[in-house]
Amino acid sequence: MKKVALAKVKDDLSRYLRQAVHRDAVIRAFLLATATLTLVACSRHAPAPNPSVLPVAATATADSAFAAVQARGAVAMGVDQFTSTHVFESLPDGGRISLQRNEVDAAGTAQIRTHMQHIAVSFAAGDFALPGFVHAQQVPGTAVMAARREAITYSVDTLPRGAQVRIRTSDSAALQAIHEFLAFQRQDHHAAGHNQ
């Protein structure tokens, strides 16, 4: 990771922590600090991105906004976003978020599983601060998802090199918000998904 990008991530993280007023700000700060340390430790030993596995990596790094999302995502999630694959899939009853390492990586896989458990618990409580940090804005759909949290369920399942969060609802307003949230995520992460 370039020093400039790391400095930008540190500045973004500092600003985010100063603005955090939620009762669990200390927990999030601890998790983000842990993720930062994990990222630094892993980046010293991480292989270079493999464009044949993630073809968007080579061209997307030129996009500074995308690179910033990827850098903040690495801090928040604890794994290199260029050597991991996100899928945001809209489904008739909600959707699915999956994140997996592109190659076998026990530490990265464990970190992803911890992260997915954390976001499922946070989202169920109506807390969407982490996606707000990653995208440096309020993510579309999250206000309605927070307001309708009682009508939405989140379940986590393991995947071979990561995990997925399955989001379900029978509430039409919540469903529309979930689809807006997933569509924004697909676009901002340059990720795959159903109904692109």
N, C-alpha and C. Protein backbone atom coordinates (compact mmCIF):
# COMPACT_ATOMS: atom_id res chain seq x y z
N MET A 1 0.86 -1.17 0.00
CA MET A 1 0.00 0.00 0.00
C MET A 1 0.90 1.23 0.00
N LYS A 2 0.61 2.17 -0.83
CA LYS A 2 1.41 3.38 -0.93
C LYS A 2 1.22 4.22 0.32
N LYS A 3 2.28 4.97 0.68
CA LYS A 3 2.23 5.81 1.88
C LYS A 3 1.12 6.85 1.81
N VAL A 4 0.89 7.39 0.62
CA VAL A 4 -0.15 8.41 0.45
C VAL A 4 -1.53 7.81 0.74
N ALA A 5 -1.78 6.63 0.21
CA ALA A 5 -3.07 5.97 0.44
C ALA A 5 -3.23 5.64 1.91
N LEU A 6 -2.16 5.16 2.56
CA LEU A 6 -2.22 4.83 3.98
C LEU A 6 -2.47 6.09 4.81
N ALA A 7 -1.83 7.19 4.44
CA ALA A 7 -2.06 8.45 5.16
C ALA A 7 -3.50 8.90 5.00
N LYS A 8 -4.05 8.75 3.79
CA LYS A 8 -5.45 9.13 3.55
C LYS A 8 -6.39 8.27 4.39
N VAL A 9 -6.11 6.97 4.44
CA VAL A 9 -6.94 6.08 5.25
C VAL A 9 -6.84 6.47 6.72
N LYS A 10 -5.63 6.77 7.18
CA LYS A 10 -5.47 7.19 8.58
C LYS A 10 -6.25 8.48 8.86
N ASP A 11 -6.17 9.44 7.92
CA ASP A 11 -6.93 10.69 8.08
C ASP A 11 -8.43 10.42 8.10
N ASP A 12 -8.90 9.56 7.17
CA ASP A 12 -10.33 9.21 7.14
C ASP A 12 -10.74 8.51 8.43
N LEU A 13 -9.89 7.62 8.91
CA LEU A 13 -10.19 6.90 10.14
C LEU A 13 -10.22 7.86 11.32
N SER A 14 -9.27 8.79 11.39
CA SER A 14 -9.25 9.78 12.47
C SER A 14 -10.51 10.63 12.46
N ARG A 15 -10.90 11.09 11.26
CA ARG A 15 -12.10 11.91 11.14
C ARG A 15 -13.33 11.10 11.56
N TYR A 16 -13.39 9.87 11.10
CA TYR A 16 -14.51 8.99 11.45
C TYR A 16 -14.60 8.80 12.97
N LEU A 17 -13.49 8.55 13.60
CA LEU A 17 -13.50 8.32 15.05
C LEU A 17 -13.90 9.59 15.82
N ARG A 18 -13.47 10.76 15.33
CA ARG A 18 -13.85 12.01 16.00
C ARG A 18 -15.35 12.25 15.89
N GLN A 19 -15.96 11.84 14.78
CA GLN A 19 -17.37 12.09 14.56
C GLN A 19 -18.28 11.04 15.19
N ALA A 20 -17.72 9.93 15.60
CA ALA A 20 -18.54 8.84 16.14
C ALA A 20 -19.14 9.25 17.48
N VAL A 21 -20.47 9.20 17.58
CA VAL A 21 -21.14 9.57 18.81
C VAL A 21 -22.01 8.44 19.33
N HIS A 22 -22.00 7.32 18.63
CA HIS A 22 -22.80 6.18 19.06
C HIS A 22 -22.21 5.57 20.32
N ARG A 23 -23.06 4.92 21.12
CA ARG A 23 -22.61 4.34 22.37
C ARG A 23 -21.57 3.26 22.19
N ASP A 24 -21.49 2.67 21.02
CA ASP A 24 -20.51 1.62 20.79
C ASP A 24 -19.30 2.13 19.99
N ALA A 25 -19.04 3.44 20.04
CA ALA A 25 -17.92 4.02 19.30
C ALA A 25 -16.59 3.42 19.76
N VAL A 26 -16.45 3.14 21.01
CA VAL A 26 -15.20 2.57 21.51
C VAL A 26 -14.98 1.18 20.92
N ILE A 27 -16.04 0.38 20.82
CA ILE A 27 -15.92 -0.97 20.25
C ILE A 27 -15.53 -0.87 18.78
N ARG A 28 -16.19 0.01 18.04
CA ARG A 28 -15.85 0.18 16.63
C ARG A 28 -14.41 0.65 16.47
N ALA A 29 -13.99 1.57 17.32
CA ALA A 29 -12.61 2.07 17.24
C ALA A 29 -11.62 0.93 17.47
N PHE A 30 -11.93 0.09 18.46
CA PHE A 30 -11.06 -1.06 18.73
C PHE A 30 -11.03 -1.99 17.51
N LEU A 31 -12.19 -2.28 16.93
CA LEU A 31 -12.24 -3.17 15.77
C LEU A 31 -11.49 -2.57 14.58
N LEU A 32 -11.65 -1.27 14.37
CA LEU A 32 -10.95 -0.64 13.26
C LEU A 32 -9.45 -0.61 13.49
N ALA A 33 -9.03 -0.37 14.74
CA ALA A 33 -7.60 -0.39 15.05
C ALA A 33 -7.04 -1.80 14.84
N THR A 34 -7.78 -2.80 15.27
CA THR A 34 -7.36 -4.18 15.07
C THR A 34 -7.27 -4.50 13.59
N ALA A 35 -8.26 -4.05 12.83
CA ALA A 35 -8.25 -4.29 11.39
C ALA A 35 -7.06 -3.59 10.74
N THR A 36 -6.74 -2.38 11.18
CA THR A 36 -5.60 -1.66 10.64
C THR A 36 -4.31 -2.42 10.90
N LEU A 37 -4.14 -2.87 12.13
CA LEU A 37 -2.94 -3.63 12.46
C LEU A 37 -2.87 -4.93 11.65
N THR A 38 -4.00 -5.58 11.47
CA THR A 38 -4.04 -6.80 10.67
C THR A 38 -3.66 -6.49 9.23
N LEU A 39 -4.19 -5.41 8.70
CA LEU A 39 -3.88 -5.01 7.32
C LEU A 39 -2.40 -4.75 7.16
N VAL A 40 -1.82 -4.01 8.08
CA VAL A 40 -0.39 -3.71 8.00
C VAL A 40 0.42 -5.00 8.07
N ALA A 41 0.06 -5.89 9.00
CA ALA A 41 0.79 -7.15 9.14
C ALA A 41 0.64 -8.01 7.90
N CYS A 42 -0.58 -8.10 7.37
CA CYS A 42 -0.83 -8.94 6.19
C CYS A 42 -0.21 -8.35 4.94
N SER A 43 -0.18 -7.02 4.82
CA SER A 43 0.34 -6.41 3.60
C SER A 43 1.83 -6.65 3.44
N ARG A 44 2.52 -6.91 4.53
CA ARG A 44 3.96 -7.21 4.43
C ARG A 44 4.20 -8.57 3.80
N HIS A 45 3.20 -9.46 3.89
CA HIS A 45 3.37 -10.81 3.39
C HIS A 45 2.40 -11.14 2.26
N ALA A 46 1.57 -10.21 1.87
CA ALA A 46 0.54 -10.49 0.87
C ALA A 46 1.15 -10.55 -0.52
N PRO A 47 0.69 -11.51 -1.34
CA PRO A 47 1.16 -11.55 -2.72
C PRO A 47 0.55 -10.40 -3.51
N ALA A 48 1.18 -10.06 -4.61
CA ALA A 48 0.64 -9.01 -5.47
C ALA A 48 -0.71 -9.45 -6.02
N PRO A 49 -1.63 -8.51 -6.28
CA PRO A 49 -2.92 -8.88 -6.85
C PRO A 49 -2.74 -9.65 -8.15
N ASN A 50 -3.58 -10.64 -8.36
CA ASN A 50 -3.52 -11.46 -9.55
C ASN A 50 -4.64 -11.01 -10.49
N PRO A 51 -4.32 -10.24 -11.54
CA PRO A 51 -5.36 -9.72 -12.43
C PRO A 51 -6.20 -10.80 -13.09
N SER A 52 -5.68 -12.02 -13.26
CA SER A 52 -6.49 -13.06 -13.87
C SER A 52 -7.58 -13.55 -12.93
N VAL A 53 -7.38 -13.38 -11.62
CA VAL A 53 -8.40 -13.77 -10.64
C VAL A 53 -9.40 -12.64 -10.46
N LEU A 54 -8.93 -11.42 -10.44
CA LEU A 54 -9.78 -10.25 -10.23
C LEU A 54 -9.45 -9.23 -11.31
N PRO A 55 -9.99 -9.38 -12.52
CA PRO A 55 -9.59 -8.55 -13.64
C PRO A 55 -9.79 -7.06 -13.43
N VAL A 56 -10.72 -6.66 -12.59
CA VAL A 56 -10.98 -5.25 -12.38
C VAL A 56 -9.84 -4.59 -11.59
N ALA A 57 -9.01 -5.35 -10.89
CA ALA A 57 -7.97 -4.79 -10.03
C ALA A 57 -7.00 -3.92 -10.81
N ALA A 58 -6.55 -4.38 -11.96
CA ALA A 58 -5.54 -3.64 -12.71
C ALA A 58 -6.08 -2.29 -13.20
N THR A 59 -7.31 -2.28 -13.68
CA THR A 59 -7.85 -1.03 -14.22
C THR A 59 -8.45 -0.15 -13.12
N ALA A 60 -8.97 -0.74 -12.07
CA ALA A 60 -9.67 0.03 -11.06
C ALA A 60 -8.72 0.84 -10.18
N THR A 61 -7.47 0.41 -10.03
CA THR A 61 -6.57 1.16 -9.17
C THR A 61 -6.34 2.57 -9.68
N ALA A 62 -6.55 2.80 -10.97
CA ALA A 62 -6.40 4.14 -11.52
C ALA A 62 -7.52 5.05 -11.06
N ASP A 63 -8.62 4.51 -10.66
CA ASP A 63 -9.76 5.29 -10.19
C ASP A 63 -9.55 5.63 -8.72
N SER A 64 -9.21 6.88 -8.42
CA SER A 64 -8.84 7.25 -7.05
C SER A 64 -9.99 7.08 -6.06
N ALA A 65 -11.22 7.34 -6.47
CA ALA A 65 -12.35 7.15 -5.56
C ALA A 65 -12.51 5.67 -5.22
N PHE A 66 -12.37 4.81 -6.22
CA PHE A 66 -12.45 3.38 -5.98
C PHE A 66 -11.30 2.92 -5.09
N ALA A 67 -10.11 3.42 -5.35
CA ALA A 67 -8.95 3.05 -4.53
C ALA A 67 -9.17 3.47 -3.08
N ALA A 68 -9.80 4.63 -2.86
CA ALA A 68 -10.08 5.08 -1.50
C ALA A 68 -11.10 4.17 -0.82
N VAL A 69 -12.14 3.75 -1.56
CA VAL A 69 -13.12 2.80 -1.01
C VAL A 69 -12.41 1.50 -0.64
N GLN A 70 -11.56 1.02 -1.53
CA GLN A 70 -10.84 -0.23 -1.28
C GLN A 70 -9.92 -0.09 -0.06
N ALA A 71 -9.27 1.03 0.09
CA ALA A 71 -8.37 1.24 1.24
C ALA A 71 -9.16 1.29 2.55
N ARG A 72 -10.25 2.06 2.55
CA ARG A 72 -11.07 2.11 3.77
C ARG A 72 -11.70 0.76 4.05
N GLY A 73 -12.08 0.04 2.99
CA GLY A 73 -12.64 -1.31 3.14
C GLY A 73 -11.63 -2.26 3.77
N ALA A 74 -10.38 -2.14 3.37
CA ALA A 74 -9.34 -3.00 3.95
C ALA A 74 -9.18 -2.72 5.44
N VAL A 75 -9.26 -1.44 5.82
CA VAL A 75 -9.18 -1.10 7.24
C VAL A 75 -10.38 -1.65 7.99
N ALA A 76 -11.57 -1.44 7.45
CA ALA A 76 -12.79 -1.86 8.13
C ALA A 76 -12.95 -3.37 8.19
N MET A 77 -12.54 -4.06 7.14
CA MET A 77 -12.77 -5.51 7.04
C MET A 77 -11.56 -6.34 7.43
N GLY A 78 -10.39 -5.72 7.41
CA GLY A 78 -9.19 -6.42 7.84
C GLY A 78 -8.54 -7.29 6.80
N VAL A 79 -8.99 -7.20 5.54
CA VAL A 79 -8.37 -7.97 4.46
C VAL A 79 -8.20 -7.08 3.23
N ASP A 80 -7.20 -7.38 2.44
CA ASP A 80 -6.93 -6.66 1.20
C ASP A 80 -8.11 -6.85 0.26
N GLN A 81 -8.70 -5.74 -0.15
CA GLN A 81 -9.87 -5.79 -1.02
C GLN A 81 -9.53 -6.21 -2.44
N PHE A 82 -8.29 -5.99 -2.87
CA PHE A 82 -7.89 -6.37 -4.22
C PHE A 82 -7.61 -7.86 -4.35
N THR A 83 -7.43 -8.55 -3.23
CA THR A 83 -7.20 -10.00 -3.26
C THR A 83 -8.35 -10.76 -2.61
N SER A 84 -9.51 -10.10 -2.59
CA SER A 84 -10.74 -10.70 -2.06
C SER A 84 -11.85 -10.40 -3.06
N THR A 85 -12.92 -11.17 -2.99
CA THR A 85 -14.04 -10.97 -3.91
C THR A 85 -15.33 -10.74 -3.12
N HIS A 86 -15.96 -9.61 -3.40
CA HIS A 86 -17.27 -9.25 -2.84
C HIS A 86 -18.34 -9.61 -3.87
N VAL A 87 -19.47 -10.09 -3.40
CA VAL A 87 -20.66 -10.25 -4.24
C VAL A 87 -21.83 -9.67 -3.45
N PHE A 88 -22.61 -8.81 -4.10
CA PHE A 88 -23.80 -8.21 -3.50
C PHE A 88 -24.97 -8.62 -4.37
N GLU A 89 -25.75 -9.57 -3.91
CA GLU A 89 -26.81 -10.16 -4.72
C GLU A 89 -28.19 -9.77 -4.20
N SER A 90 -28.99 -9.16 -5.05
CA SER A 90 -30.38 -8.85 -4.72
C SER A 90 -31.23 -10.10 -4.97
N LEU A 91 -32.07 -10.45 -4.01
CA LEU A 91 -32.92 -11.63 -4.11
C LEU A 91 -34.38 -11.24 -3.86
N PRO A 92 -35.34 -12.05 -4.27
CA PRO A 92 -36.75 -11.69 -4.11
C PRO A 92 -37.17 -11.41 -2.66
N ASP A 93 -36.50 -12.02 -1.69
CA ASP A 93 -36.85 -11.80 -0.30
C ASP A 93 -35.79 -11.00 0.46
N GLY A 94 -34.87 -10.34 -0.26
CA GLY A 94 -33.81 -9.56 0.39
C GLY A 94 -32.55 -9.57 -0.43
N GLY A 95 -31.53 -10.24 0.11
CA GLY A 95 -30.27 -10.30 -0.63
C GLY A 95 -29.20 -11.05 0.11
N ARG A 96 -28.00 -10.99 -0.47
CA ARG A 96 -26.86 -11.71 0.08
C ARG A 96 -25.60 -10.87 -0.15
N ILE A 97 -24.78 -10.79 0.90
CA ILE A 97 -23.46 -10.17 0.79
C ILE A 97 -22.46 -11.29 1.05
N SER A 98 -21.57 -11.54 0.10
CA SER A 98 -20.52 -12.53 0.36
C SER A 98 -19.16 -11.89 0.16
N LEU A 99 -18.21 -12.37 0.93
CA LEU A 99 -16.83 -11.90 0.85
C LEU A 99 -15.93 -13.11 1.04
N GLN A 100 -15.04 -13.34 0.08
CA GLN A 100 -14.11 -14.46 0.16
C GLN A 100 -12.72 -14.03 -0.31
N ARG A 101 -11.71 -14.65 0.26
CA ARG A 101 -10.35 -14.48 -0.22
C ARG A 101 -10.25 -15.18 -1.57
N ASN A 102 -9.44 -14.66 -2.48
CA ASN A 102 -9.30 -15.26 -3.80
C ASN A 102 -8.45 -16.53 -3.77
N GLU A 103 -7.58 -16.63 -2.78
CA GLU A 103 -6.74 -17.81 -2.63
C GLU A 103 -6.81 -18.26 -1.18
N VAL A 104 -6.34 -19.48 -0.91
CA VAL A 104 -6.36 -20.01 0.45
C VAL A 104 -5.56 -19.09 1.37
N ASP A 105 -6.20 -18.66 2.45
CA ASP A 105 -5.60 -17.73 3.41
C ASP A 105 -6.36 -17.90 4.72
N ALA A 106 -5.84 -18.73 5.61
CA ALA A 106 -6.56 -19.05 6.85
C ALA A 106 -6.81 -17.82 7.71
N ALA A 107 -5.80 -16.96 7.84
CA ALA A 107 -5.97 -15.76 8.67
C ALA A 107 -6.99 -14.81 8.05
N GLY A 108 -6.90 -14.61 6.74
CA GLY A 108 -7.84 -13.73 6.04
C GLY A 108 -9.26 -14.27 6.09
N THR A 109 -9.40 -15.58 5.94
CA THR A 109 -10.72 -16.22 6.01
C THR A 109 -11.33 -16.03 7.39
N ALA A 110 -10.53 -16.22 8.43
CA ALA A 110 -11.02 -16.02 9.80
C ALA A 110 -11.43 -14.57 10.03
N GLN A 111 -10.64 -13.63 9.51
CA GLN A 111 -10.96 -12.21 9.65
C GLN A 111 -12.28 -11.87 8.95
N ILE A 112 -12.48 -12.42 7.76
CA ILE A 112 -13.74 -12.18 7.03
C ILE A 112 -14.91 -12.71 7.83
N ARG A 113 -14.79 -13.90 8.38
CA ARG A 113 -15.89 -14.50 9.15
C ARG A 113 -16.22 -13.65 10.37
N THR A 114 -15.20 -13.14 11.04
CA THR A 114 -15.43 -12.25 12.19
C THR A 114 -16.12 -10.97 11.74
N HIS A 115 -15.66 -10.40 10.64
CA HIS A 115 -16.25 -9.17 10.10
C HIS A 115 -17.72 -9.37 9.74
N MET A 116 -18.03 -10.47 9.08
CA MET A 116 -19.42 -10.71 8.67
C MET A 116 -20.33 -10.92 9.88
N GLN A 117 -19.84 -11.57 10.92
CA GLN A 117 -20.62 -11.69 12.16
C GLN A 117 -20.88 -10.29 12.74
N HIS A 118 -19.84 -9.47 12.74
CA HIS A 118 -19.96 -8.11 13.29
C HIS A 118 -20.99 -7.28 12.51
N ILE A 119 -20.94 -7.33 11.18
CA ILE A 119 -21.90 -6.50 10.44
C ILE A 119 -23.32 -7.03 10.58
N ALA A 120 -23.50 -8.35 10.69
CA ALA A 120 -24.85 -8.88 10.87
C ALA A 120 -25.44 -8.38 12.18
N VAL A 121 -24.66 -8.39 13.25
CA VAL A 121 -25.14 -7.89 14.55
C VAL A 121 -25.39 -6.39 14.48
N SER A 122 -24.45 -5.65 13.90
CA SER A 122 -24.61 -4.19 13.78
C SER A 122 -25.82 -3.81 12.95
N PHE A 123 -25.97 -4.44 11.78
CA PHE A 123 -27.09 -4.12 10.91
C PHE A 123 -28.42 -4.45 11.59
N ALA A 124 -28.48 -5.58 12.29
CA ALA A 124 -29.71 -5.96 12.99
C ALA A 124 -30.08 -4.92 14.05
N ALA A 125 -29.08 -4.25 14.60
CA ALA A 125 -29.32 -3.20 15.60
C ALA A 125 -29.59 -1.84 14.94
N GLY A 126 -29.56 -1.80 13.61
CA GLY A 126 -29.81 -0.54 12.90
C GLY A 126 -28.57 0.33 12.78
N ASP A 127 -27.39 -0.24 13.01
CA ASP A 127 -26.13 0.50 12.98
C ASP A 127 -25.42 0.25 11.65
N PHE A 128 -25.40 1.28 10.80
CA PHE A 128 -24.76 1.17 9.50
C PHE A 128 -23.56 2.12 9.40
N ALA A 129 -22.91 2.38 10.55
CA ALA A 129 -21.75 3.27 10.57
C ALA A 129 -20.58 2.72 9.77
N LEU A 130 -20.37 1.42 9.80
CA LEU A 130 -19.22 0.85 9.10
C LEU A 130 -19.32 1.04 7.58
N PRO A 131 -20.46 0.73 6.94
CA PRO A 131 -20.54 1.04 5.51
C PRO A 131 -20.41 2.55 5.25
N GLY A 132 -20.89 3.37 6.18
CA GLY A 132 -20.73 4.81 6.04
C GLY A 132 -19.27 5.22 6.02
N PHE A 133 -18.46 4.56 6.89
CA PHE A 133 -17.02 4.82 6.92
C PHE A 133 -16.37 4.36 5.61
N VAL A 134 -16.67 3.13 5.19
CA VAL A 134 -16.04 2.57 3.98
C VAL A 134 -16.33 3.45 2.77
N HIS A 135 -17.56 3.93 2.64
CA HIS A 135 -17.96 4.69 1.45
C HIS A 135 -17.90 6.20 1.66
N ALA A 136 -17.53 6.64 2.87
CA ALA A 136 -17.39 8.06 3.20
C ALA A 136 -18.67 8.84 2.93
N GLN A 137 -19.81 8.20 3.17
CA GLN A 137 -21.11 8.84 3.01
C GLN A 137 -22.18 7.92 3.59
N GLN A 138 -23.37 8.46 3.79
CA GLN A 138 -24.48 7.59 4.18
C GLN A 138 -24.84 6.76 2.95
N VAL A 139 -24.88 5.45 3.15
CA VAL A 139 -25.13 4.54 2.03
C VAL A 139 -26.63 4.48 1.75
N PRO A 140 -27.03 4.60 0.48
CA PRO A 140 -28.45 4.52 0.13
C PRO A 140 -29.11 3.26 0.70
N GLY A 141 -30.33 3.44 1.18
CA GLY A 141 -31.11 2.34 1.73
C GLY A 141 -30.92 2.13 3.22
N THR A 142 -29.82 2.61 3.79
CA THR A 142 -29.54 2.30 5.19
C THR A 142 -30.47 3.01 6.17
N ALA A 143 -30.96 4.18 5.84
CA ALA A 143 -31.88 4.88 6.75
C ALA A 143 -33.17 4.07 6.91
N VAL A 144 -33.70 3.57 5.79
CA VAL A 144 -34.92 2.76 5.85
C VAL A 144 -34.63 1.42 6.51
N MET A 145 -33.48 0.82 6.19
CA MET A 145 -33.12 -0.46 6.81
C MET A 145 -33.00 -0.31 8.33
N ALA A 146 -32.46 0.81 8.79
CA ALA A 146 -32.36 1.06 10.23
C ALA A 146 -33.76 1.25 10.84
N ALA A 147 -34.59 2.02 10.16
CA ALA A 147 -35.94 2.28 10.66
C ALA A 147 -36.81 1.02 10.67
N ARG A 148 -36.59 0.15 9.72
CA ARG A 148 -37.40 -1.08 9.58
C ARG A 148 -36.64 -2.32 10.08
N ARG A 149 -35.67 -2.11 10.95
CA ARG A 149 -34.81 -3.22 11.40
C ARG A 149 -35.57 -4.39 12.00
N GLU A 150 -36.73 -4.13 12.60
CA GLU A 150 -37.52 -5.20 13.20
C GLU A 150 -38.11 -6.13 12.13
N ALA A 151 -38.17 -5.65 10.90
CA ALA A 151 -38.75 -6.45 9.80
C ALA A 151 -37.69 -7.14 8.96
N ILE A 152 -36.43 -7.04 9.36
CA ILE A 152 -35.32 -7.61 8.58
C ILE A 152 -34.54 -8.58 9.45
N THR A 153 -34.17 -9.73 8.87
CA THR A 153 -33.29 -10.67 9.58
C THR A 153 -31.97 -10.79 8.84
N TYR A 154 -30.92 -11.06 9.60
CA TYR A 154 -29.57 -11.22 9.06
C TYR A 154 -29.02 -12.53 9.60
N SER A 155 -28.57 -13.40 8.71
CA SER A 155 -27.95 -14.65 9.15
C SER A 155 -26.61 -14.81 8.44
N VAL A 156 -25.64 -15.37 9.16
CA VAL A 156 -24.28 -15.53 8.64
C VAL A 156 -24.02 -17.00 8.38
N ASP A 157 -23.44 -17.29 7.23
CA ASP A 157 -23.03 -18.64 6.86
C ASP A 157 -21.57 -18.60 6.42
N THR A 158 -20.84 -19.66 6.72
CA THR A 158 -19.45 -19.72 6.28
C THR A 158 -19.40 -20.15 4.81
N LEU A 159 -18.37 -19.69 4.14
CA LEU A 159 -18.05 -20.08 2.77
C LEU A 159 -16.62 -20.64 2.80
N PRO A 160 -16.19 -21.34 1.78
CA PRO A 160 -14.85 -21.97 1.82
C PRO A 160 -13.71 -21.02 2.18
N ARG A 161 -13.73 -19.78 1.68
CA ARG A 161 -12.65 -18.83 1.98
C ARG A 161 -13.20 -17.53 2.55
N GLY A 162 -14.34 -17.61 3.26
CA GLY A 162 -14.93 -16.41 3.83
C GLY A 162 -16.28 -16.67 4.44
N ALA A 163 -17.21 -15.77 4.19
CA ALA A 163 -18.56 -15.89 4.77
C ALA A 163 -19.54 -15.07 3.96
N GLN A 164 -20.82 -15.26 4.28
CA GLN A 164 -21.87 -14.48 3.65
C GLN A 164 -22.90 -14.09 4.69
N VAL A 165 -23.52 -12.94 4.46
CA VAL A 165 -24.65 -12.50 5.28
C VAL A 165 -25.88 -12.56 4.38
N ARG A 166 -26.86 -13.33 4.81
CA ARG A 166 -28.14 -13.44 4.09
C ARG A 166 -29.11 -12.47 4.75
N ILE A 167 -29.72 -11.61 3.96
CA ILE A 167 -30.65 -10.59 4.45
C ILE A 167 -32.04 -10.97 3.95
N ARG A 168 -33.02 -11.02 4.88
CA ARG A 168 -34.39 -11.42 4.49
C ARG A 168 -35.41 -10.47 5.10
N THR A 169 -36.48 -10.25 4.32
CA THR A 169 -37.61 -9.46 4.82
C THR A 169 -38.86 -9.81 4.00
N SER A 170 -40.01 -9.54 4.61
CA SER A 170 -41.27 -9.65 3.87
C SER A 170 -41.92 -8.26 3.77
N ASP A 171 -41.24 -7.24 4.26
CA ASP A 171 -41.71 -5.85 4.25
C ASP A 171 -41.28 -5.19 2.94
N SER A 172 -42.23 -4.67 2.17
CA SER A 172 -41.92 -4.13 0.84
C SER A 172 -40.99 -2.91 0.89
N ALA A 173 -41.17 -2.02 1.87
CA ALA A 173 -40.29 -0.85 1.98
C ALA A 173 -38.87 -1.28 2.35
N ALA A 174 -38.77 -2.24 3.26
CA ALA A 174 -37.45 -2.75 3.66
C ALA A 174 -36.79 -3.45 2.47
N LEU A 175 -37.55 -4.20 1.70
CA LEU A 175 -37.01 -4.91 0.54
C LEU A 175 -36.44 -3.93 -0.47
N GLN A 176 -37.17 -2.87 -0.75
CA GLN A 176 -36.68 -1.86 -1.69
C GLN A 176 -35.39 -1.23 -1.16
N ALA A 177 -35.33 -0.95 0.14
CA ALA A 177 -34.13 -0.35 0.74
C ALA A 177 -32.94 -1.31 0.67
N ILE A 178 -33.18 -2.58 0.92
CA ILE A 178 -32.12 -3.59 0.83
C ILE A 178 -31.56 -3.63 -0.59
N HIS A 179 -32.45 -3.61 -1.58
CA HIS A 179 -32.01 -3.63 -2.97
C HIS A 179 -31.23 -2.37 -3.34
N GLU A 180 -31.63 -1.22 -2.81
CA GLU A 180 -30.88 0.03 -3.05
C GLU A 180 -29.49 -0.08 -2.43
N PHE A 181 -29.44 -0.59 -1.21
CA PHE A 181 -28.18 -0.77 -0.49
C PHE A 181 -27.24 -1.68 -1.29
N LEU A 182 -27.75 -2.82 -1.74
CA LEU A 182 -26.91 -3.78 -2.47
C LEU A 182 -26.48 -3.23 -3.83
N ALA A 183 -27.36 -2.52 -4.52
CA ALA A 183 -27.01 -1.93 -5.82
C ALA A 183 -25.89 -0.90 -5.65
N PHE A 184 -25.98 -0.07 -4.61
CA PHE A 184 -24.92 0.91 -4.35
C PHE A 184 -23.61 0.20 -4.04
N GLN A 185 -23.67 -0.84 -3.21
CA GLN A 185 -22.46 -1.59 -2.86
C GLN A 185 -21.81 -2.20 -4.11
N ARG A 186 -22.62 -2.81 -4.97
CA ARG A 186 -22.09 -3.39 -6.21
C ARG A 186 -21.35 -2.34 -7.02
N GLN A 187 -21.98 -1.18 -7.16
CA GLN A 187 -21.38 -0.12 -7.97
C GLN A 187 -20.11 0.42 -7.33
N ASP A 188 -20.15 0.76 -6.05
CA ASP A 188 -19.00 1.40 -5.40
C ASP A 188 -17.83 0.46 -5.22
N HIS A 189 -18.10 -0.83 -5.02
CA HIS A 189 -17.02 -1.82 -4.88
C HIS A 189 -16.60 -2.43 -6.22
N HIS A 190 -17.28 -2.04 -7.32
CA HIS A 190 -17.03 -2.65 -8.62
C HIS A 190 -17.15 -4.16 -8.49
N ALA A 191 -18.22 -4.59 -7.83
CA ALA A 191 -18.40 -6.00 -7.48
C ALA A 191 -19.47 -6.66 -8.34
N ALA A 192 -19.46 -7.98 -8.25
CA ALA A 192 -20.46 -8.78 -8.96
C ALA A 192 -21.75 -8.83 -8.16
N GLY A 193 -22.78 -9.29 -8.83
CA GLY A 193 -24.06 -9.48 -8.15
C GLY A 193 -25.17 -9.70 -9.15
N HIS A 194 -26.27 -10.15 -8.65
CA HIS A 194 -27.47 -10.39 -9.46
C HIS A 194 -28.11 -9.05 -9.80
N ASN A 195 -28.76 -8.94 -10.93
CA ASN A 195 -29.49 -7.73 -11.34
C ASN A 195 -28.59 -6.51 -11.45
N GLN A 196 -27.42 -6.65 -12.05
CA GLN A 196 -26.51 -5.51 -12.15
C GLN A 196 -27.03 -4.47 -13.12
